Amino acid sequence: MAVIQEAWIGGVSTRRVDDLVQAMGLSGISKSTVSKLCKDIDERVSAFLDRPLSGEWPYLWLDATYLRQREGGRIVSVAAIIAVACDAEGRREIVGLHIGPSEADTFWAAFLKSLVKRGLGGVKLVVSDAHEGLKAAIARVLGATWQRCRVHWMRNALAHVGKAQQSMASAALRQAFLQPDQASARQTWRHVADQLRPRWPKLGKLMDDSEDDVLAYMAFPAQHRTKLHSVNTLERLNKEVKRRADVVGIFPSEASIMRLIGAVLLEANDEWQMQHRYMGVEAMGEMLNPPPNNETLQLPPKAA
């Protein structure tokens, strides 16, 4: 049974699992066996996704993967939101999975509230792409600052520039990210915006509107910034989720999504626990417990 479960979670299709069973000298998978297999996986996944959380989790990354699900005779696109957090010891864990038909304020708020209910606390920065309703939900539920994914923002910014000029514009925009602190980054950002505005007014407007959100991470320890400016932290994880989801193609139900994607996340999380700390614990300690006579970390405004 364990071999069958691991093969299925690892990316072997249902039909090929049946072939595998027969190759092992068995007569195929009966409905009762499939039912027991699913029940066992569901119990493991539920225990993982519903586990209590404790302590402080200063950093939280959220990313959406879109999957196809059959619903009432139609095929609809659903968002699978994966949450990854880093604790005060610099270790990261996958802390949640949420499936929903939209990304409205209520969708995000419900997910964040479920994380808080399980014990997620002490969140100072949430990193994600720009999603409708998310910014407000972060401020209301977590009281944290929002960092807009810099990689996705850059793509949106360059869409306002002709292809021939994109390399030049990209180099100019990156000057702000090379600065040593947030004050210098903001000054450079505004200078670059004023330089680019006459030629690309829409880009200038985007920079005006998104300055706080894109540069939020600059207020945090320099040692952590490379992992705070985007959701690329989840890139390998998302690729594995997508690879496994592509084997299925169209999921028959939300429960089937939770079963499979949850199992993939459980395995990935187990691997992470065997690795070194994800972030420097010394810088984390200085941020969370600054010496009384030293300057404290100046956090940016909370998401409005």
Protein backbone atom coordinates (compact mmCIF):
# COMPACT_ATOMS: atom_id res chain seq x y z
CA MET A 1 0.00 0.00 0.00
CA ALA A 2 2.80 2.43 0.92
CA VAL A 3 4.53 1.80 -2.43
CA ILE A 4 1.30 2.56 -4.30
CA GLN A 5 0.76 5.78 -2.33
CA GLU A 6 4.29 7.02 -2.92
CA ALA A 7 4.11 6.21 -6.63
CA TRP A 8 0.84 8.13 -7.00
CA ILE A 9 2.05 11.14 -5.02
CA GLY A 10 5.33 11.10 -6.94
CA GLY A 11 3.63 11.56 -10.29
CA VAL A 12 2.54 8.16 -11.55
CA SER A 13 -0.90 8.37 -13.13
CA THR A 14 -3.79 6.27 -11.80
CA ARG A 15 -3.69 4.01 -14.87
CA ARG A 16 0.05 3.47 -14.53
CA VAL A 17 -0.36 2.76 -10.81
CA ASP A 18 -2.70 -0.05 -11.81
CA ASP A 19 -0.03 -1.32 -14.23
CA LEU A 20 2.53 -1.10 -11.41
CA VAL A 21 0.33 -3.15 -9.10
CA GLN A 22 -0.09 -5.84 -11.75
CA ALA A 23 3.67 -5.85 -12.37
CA MET A 24 4.08 -6.58 -8.67
CA GLY A 25 2.09 -9.76 -9.18
CA LEU A 26 -1.25 -8.47 -7.94
CA SER A 27 -4.49 -8.45 -9.92
CA GLY A 28 -4.99 -4.66 -10.03
CA ILE A 29 -6.51 -2.14 -7.68
CA SER A 30 -10.00 -2.81 -6.34
CA LYS A 31 -12.39 0.00 -5.41
CA SER A 32 -11.99 -0.84 -1.73
CA THR A 33 -8.21 -0.61 -2.04
CA VAL A 34 -8.48 2.77 -3.78
CA SER A 35 -10.85 3.95 -1.05
CA LYS A 36 -8.45 2.88 1.70
CA LEU A 37 -5.52 4.46 -0.12
CA CYS A 38 -7.38 7.77 -0.40
CA LYS A 39 -8.46 7.66 3.24
CA ASP A 40 -4.91 7.05 4.43
CA ILE A 41 -3.56 9.94 2.35
CA ASP A 42 -6.40 12.24 3.46
CA GLU A 43 -5.62 11.55 7.11
CA ARG A 44 -1.92 12.28 6.63
CA VAL A 45 -2.60 15.47 4.68
CA SER A 46 -5.24 16.73 7.12
CA ALA A 47 -2.93 16.17 10.09
CA PHE A 48 -0.22 18.15 8.28
CA LEU A 49 -2.35 21.05 7.02
CA ASP A 50 -4.32 21.42 10.26
CA ARG A 51 -1.40 21.07 12.68
CA PRO A 52 -1.07 23.68 15.44
CA LEU A 53 1.51 26.43 14.94
CA SER A 54 3.38 28.08 17.79
CA GLY A 55 5.92 30.84 18.34
CA GLU A 56 6.66 33.79 16.09
CA TRP A 57 6.66 33.62 12.29
CA PRO A 58 8.11 36.95 11.10
CA TYR A 59 7.97 36.20 7.37
CA LEU A 60 5.11 34.75 5.35
CA TRP A 61 5.07 34.03 1.61
CA LEU A 62 1.82 33.45 -0.28
CA ASP A 63 1.54 32.28 -3.87
CA ALA A 64 -1.33 31.14 -6.05
CA THR A 65 -1.23 28.24 -8.48
CA TYR A 66 -4.19 27.85 -10.83
CA LEU A 67 -5.65 24.40 -11.41
CA ARG A 68 -8.55 23.04 -13.43
CA GLN A 69 -11.44 21.42 -11.64
CA ARG A 70 -14.67 19.82 -12.83
CA GLU A 71 -17.69 21.44 -11.23
CA GLY A 72 -21.32 20.82 -12.13
CA GLY A 73 -20.51 19.59 -15.62
CA ARG A 74 -18.18 22.54 -16.29
CA ILE A 75 -14.42 22.92 -16.06
CA VAL A 76 -13.46 25.88 -13.90
CA SER A 77 -10.18 27.45 -12.84
CA VAL A 78 -9.52 27.45 -9.10
CA ALA A 79 -6.75 29.09 -7.12
CA ALA A 80 -4.63 26.92 -4.84
CA ILE A 81 -2.96 29.24 -2.34
CA ILE A 82 0.21 27.92 -0.72
CA ALA A 83 1.54 29.58 2.43
CA VAL A 84 5.15 29.27 3.55
CA ALA A 85 6.47 30.90 6.72
CA CYS A 86 9.85 31.34 8.40
CA ASP A 87 10.01 31.11 12.19
CA ALA A 88 12.15 32.99 14.68
CA GLU A 89 14.84 30.29 14.40
CA GLY A 90 15.22 30.93 10.67
CA ARG A 91 13.53 27.69 9.63
CA ARG A 92 10.85 27.67 6.94
CA GLU A 93 7.79 25.48 6.81
CA ILE A 94 4.78 25.06 4.57
CA VAL A 95 1.99 26.21 6.85
CA GLY A 96 -1.15 26.13 4.74
CA LEU A 97 -3.09 25.33 1.57
CA HIS A 98 -6.38 26.91 0.58
CA ILE A 99 -8.56 26.25 -2.48
CA GLY A 100 -11.11 28.72 -3.78
CA PRO A 101 -12.92 29.97 -6.88
CA SER A 102 -11.77 33.57 -6.59
CA GLU A 103 -9.23 35.83 -4.95
CA ALA A 104 -11.58 38.40 -3.47
CA ASP A 105 -11.09 39.96 -0.05
CA THR A 106 -13.23 37.31 1.68
CA PHE A 107 -11.18 34.50 0.11
CA TRP A 108 -7.87 35.83 1.44
CA ALA A 109 -9.28 36.90 4.80
CA ALA A 110 -10.73 33.45 5.44
CA PHE A 111 -7.39 31.79 4.71
CA LEU A 112 -5.37 34.19 6.86
CA LYS A 113 -7.85 33.83 9.73
CA SER A 114 -7.49 30.05 9.55
CA LEU A 115 -3.70 30.40 9.89
CA VAL A 116 -4.06 32.71 12.88
CA LYS A 117 -6.54 30.32 14.49
CA ARG A 118 -3.96 27.54 14.23
CA GLY A 119 -1.39 29.72 16.02
CA LEU A 120 0.44 31.68 13.31
CA GLY A 121 1.59 34.86 15.03
CA GLY A 122 4.26 37.54 15.02
CA VAL A 123 4.06 38.07 11.25
CA LYS A 124 5.89 41.25 10.25
CA LEU A 125 6.11 40.92 6.46
CA VAL A 126 3.91 39.10 3.93
CA VAL A 127 5.37 38.58 0.46
CA SER A 128 3.09 37.87 -2.50
CA ASP A 129 2.06 38.92 -5.96
CA ALA A 130 -0.61 41.60 -6.25
CA HIS A 131 -4.01 39.97 -5.74
CA GLU A 132 -7.35 41.64 -5.35
CA GLY A 133 -8.32 41.95 -1.70
CA LEU A 134 -5.07 40.55 -0.31
CA LYS A 135 -3.48 43.80 0.86
CA ALA A 136 -6.52 44.78 2.89
CA ALA A 137 -6.83 41.28 4.35
CA ILE A 138 -3.17 41.31 5.46
CA ALA A 139 -3.61 44.59 7.31
CA ARG A 140 -6.91 43.60 8.90
CA VAL A 141 -6.10 40.00 9.88
CA LEU A 142 -2.33 40.02 10.49
CA GLY A 143 -1.49 43.69 11.05
CA ALA A 144 1.61 43.12 8.92
CA THR A 145 3.42 44.93 6.12
CA TRP A 146 2.96 43.76 2.54
CA GLN A 147 5.81 43.23 0.08
CA ARG A 148 4.71 43.06 -3.54
CA CYS A 149 6.68 40.46 -5.48
CA ARG A 150 9.46 42.41 -7.19
CA VAL A 151 9.83 39.94 -10.05
CA HIS A 152 6.16 40.14 -11.03
CA TRP A 153 6.14 43.90 -10.56
CA MET A 154 9.10 44.25 -12.93
CA ARG A 155 7.24 42.34 -15.63
CA ASN A 156 4.25 44.64 -15.21
CA ALA A 157 6.50 47.70 -15.33
CA LEU A 158 8.32 46.66 -18.50
CA ALA A 159 5.00 46.00 -20.23
CA HIS A 160 4.72 49.81 -20.46
CA VAL A 161 8.01 50.00 -22.37
CA GLY A 162 8.77 49.04 -25.96
CA LYS A 163 10.81 45.85 -26.38
CA ALA A 164 13.79 47.70 -27.81
CA GLN A 165 14.07 49.86 -24.68
CA GLN A 166 13.28 47.25 -22.03
CA SER A 167 16.91 46.43 -21.19
CA MET A 168 17.69 50.08 -20.58
CA ALA A 169 14.54 50.62 -18.51
CA SER A 170 15.21 47.46 -16.49
CA ALA A 171 18.75 48.59 -15.66
CA ALA A 172 17.44 51.97 -14.52
CA LEU A 173 14.73 50.43 -12.33
CA ARG A 174 17.19 48.05 -10.67
CA GLN A 175 19.29 50.97 -9.38
CA ALA A 176 16.85 51.37 -6.50
CA PHE A 177 17.27 47.73 -5.51
CA LEU A 178 21.06 48.09 -5.29
CA GLN A 179 20.92 50.70 -2.54
CA PRO A 180 22.10 49.82 0.99
CA ASP A 181 18.99 50.98 2.87
CA GLN A 182 15.37 51.91 2.36
CA ALA A 183 15.89 55.68 2.49
CA SER A 184 18.45 55.54 -0.33
CA ALA A 185 16.27 53.12 -2.28
CA ARG A 186 13.28 55.49 -2.06
CA GLN A 187 15.36 58.47 -3.15
CA THR A 188 16.75 56.55 -6.14
CA TRP A 189 13.27 55.21 -6.97
CA ARG A 190 11.78 58.70 -7.22
CA HIS A 191 14.73 59.98 -9.23
CA VAL A 192 14.38 57.11 -11.75
CA ALA A 193 10.61 57.61 -11.90
CA ASP A 194 11.10 61.27 -12.81
CA GLN A 195 13.65 60.29 -15.46
CA LEU A 196 11.37 57.73 -17.10
CA ARG A 197 8.06 59.56 -16.70
CA PRO A 198 8.32 61.92 -19.72
CA ARG A 199 8.83 58.99 -22.11
CA TRP A 200 6.63 56.41 -20.37
CA PRO A 201 3.99 58.20 -18.26
CA LYS A 202 2.17 54.96 -17.38
CA LEU A 203 5.39 53.52 -15.97
CA GLY A 204 5.92 56.69 -13.95
CA LYS A 205 2.40 56.42 -12.54
CA LEU A 206 2.96 52.75 -11.66
CA MET A 207 6.14 53.65 -9.79
CA ASP A 208 4.36 56.41 -7.87
CA ASP A 209 1.55 54.06 -6.83
CA SER A 210 3.68 51.05 -5.88
CA GLU A 211 6.77 52.53 -4.21
CA ASP A 212 5.80 51.50 -0.66
CA ASP A 213 4.80 47.99 -1.69
CA VAL A 214 7.85 47.15 -3.83
CA LEU A 215 10.44 48.61 -1.44
CA ALA A 216 8.93 47.34 1.82
CA TYR A 217 11.55 44.58 2.18
CA MET A 218 14.37 47.14 2.30
CA ALA A 219 13.42 47.96 5.91
CA PHE A 220 14.35 44.44 7.02
CA PRO A 221 17.80 42.94 7.74
CA ALA A 222 20.15 43.08 4.75
CA GLN A 223 21.02 39.38 5.24
CA HIS A 224 17.37 38.43 4.64
CA ARG A 225 16.51 40.70 1.73
CA THR A 226 17.41 38.38 -1.14
CA LYS A 227 14.66 36.03 0.06
CA LEU A 228 12.13 38.72 0.94
CA HIS A 229 11.73 40.70 -2.27
CA SER A 230 9.80 38.08 -4.24
CA VAL A 231 7.92 34.79 -4.12
CA ASN A 232 10.78 33.09 -5.97
CA THR A 233 11.39 31.37 -2.64
CA LEU A 234 8.54 29.09 -3.69
CA GLU A 235 9.65 28.60 -7.30
CA ARG A 236 10.89 25.00 -6.98
CA LEU A 237 7.91 24.07 -4.84
CA ASN A 238 5.47 25.53 -7.37
CA LYS A 239 7.18 23.69 -10.21
CA GLU A 240 6.73 20.37 -8.42
CA VAL A 241 3.07 21.15 -7.68
CA LYS A 242 2.49 22.04 -11.33
CA ARG A 243 4.31 18.97 -12.58
CA ARG A 244 2.16 16.71 -10.44
CA ALA A 245 -1.05 18.58 -11.28
CA ASP A 246 -0.30 18.30 -15.00
CA VAL A 247 -0.36 14.51 -14.69
CA VAL A 248 -3.95 14.74 -13.49
CA GLY A 249 -5.02 17.49 -15.89
CA ILE A 250 -8.54 18.12 -14.62
CA PHE A 251 -9.31 17.41 -10.97
CA PRO A 252 -12.71 15.82 -10.27
CA SER A 253 -13.25 17.75 -7.01
CA GLU A 254 -11.74 20.14 -4.48
CA ALA A 255 -11.10 17.18 -2.18
CA SER A 256 -8.93 15.56 -4.86
CA ILE A 257 -6.87 18.76 -5.14
CA MET A 258 -6.34 18.92 -1.38
CA ARG A 259 -5.37 15.23 -1.32
CA LEU A 260 -2.76 15.39 -4.06
CA ILE A 261 -1.32 18.89 -3.63
CA GLY A 262 -1.39 18.48 0.15
CA ALA A 263 0.59 15.24 -0.15
CA VAL A 264 3.17 16.92 -2.40
CA LEU A 265 3.53 19.77 0.12
CA LEU A 266 3.88 17.32 3.00
CA GLU A 267 6.79 15.57 1.29
CA ALA A 268 8.46 18.88 0.40
CA ASN A 269 8.12 20.11 3.98
CA ASP A 270 9.73 16.94 5.32
CA GLU A 271 12.70 17.57 3.02
CA TRP A 272 13.00 21.17 4.22
CA GLN A 273 13.27 20.05 7.84
CA MET A 274 16.41 18.09 6.93
CA GLN A 275 18.11 21.18 5.48
CA HIS A 276 20.05 24.01 7.11
CA ARG A 277 18.28 27.07 8.43
CA TYR A 278 16.73 29.12 5.64
CA MET A 279 17.64 32.49 7.18
CA GLY A 280 20.38 33.70 9.48
CA VAL A 281 19.26 33.32 13.07
CA GLU A 282 21.56 36.11 14.32
CA ALA A 283 19.95 38.77 12.12
CA MET A 284 16.54 37.35 13.02
CA GLY A 285 17.32 37.72 16.71
CA GLU A 286 18.52 41.30 16.28
CA MET A 287 15.31 42.18 14.45
CA LEU A 288 12.97 40.55 16.97
CA ASN A 289 14.93 41.49 20.11
CA PRO A 290 16.91 44.68 19.41
CA PRO A 291 19.32 45.88 22.13
CA PRO A 292 17.63 48.62 24.19
CA ASN A 293 20.33 51.21 23.52
CA ASN A 294 20.53 50.64 19.77
CA GLU A 295 18.29 51.91 17.01
CA THR A 296 15.34 49.63 16.42
CA LEU A 297 14.30 48.37 13.02
CA GLN A 298 12.08 50.94 11.33
CA LEU A 299 9.32 48.93 9.75
CA PRO A 300 7.47 50.37 6.78
CA PRO A 301 3.79 51.32 6.98
CA LYS A 302 1.37 48.42 7.33
CA ALA A 303 -0.67 47.41 4.29
CA ALA A 304 -3.61 49.77 3.95
